[in-house]
């Protein structure tokens, strides 16, 4: 695959597993620089549709294309090299913060990890700890709050250097000031015009993304 964008979604509907309900039919286009909010009630299929964009579920011919090439003719590995997802409840193995971040990019150096943490607004609570990047995450994320783990998961996704970043409820549980800081930093991450963000959430929040191409798709 020579290029990811534009991503064209045309009458796409998928199911999470054989026999599972189909997601609502959607059509939209993602260009570099876009911020798209995919909104809908819990269980409607937002995550399943996002996973389909990553080729984690079978897609019928003609429903999805990358850079003008039908998804059925694109290697799944090629898609996964360009798209990363930050789930609402990221999984962590016991180990250091650096260990967890390097799962996305094993060769990442300290400066690159710091930059990813800063964009995810995770740098302050990591470096407030005496061990910084060597702070340990215990079983099931022990030692960090749920909100901190979500932002560490976001930093890990950012470290993969995706062209499309998919965020599942990234502002859940954040106060307005922190949510605004995260919006600003993600907007800066987008500013090179080569990337896009897809946000999964229950409803559009009216957040002031500076990108002129921000829009919502309602399921």
Foldseek 3Di string as FASTA:
>chain_A
DPFFPWKWAAQWWFAPDVPGDIAHGDTDIDAQLEEEEEAAAPPRQPVVVVVVQLVVTDTDWPGIDGPPHTPVPDDSVVSVLAEFEQALQDDDAKFFLLVRLCVLPVVDDPVLLCLLLVLLVLQVVQVVDPCRRRDIQHPSRPPDDSLNVSSSSSSSRVSSVHQEYEYEPNCPPPDPVVVLSNLVSVLVVSVVRRHYYYYYYHDDDPDDRVRPNYDYDYD
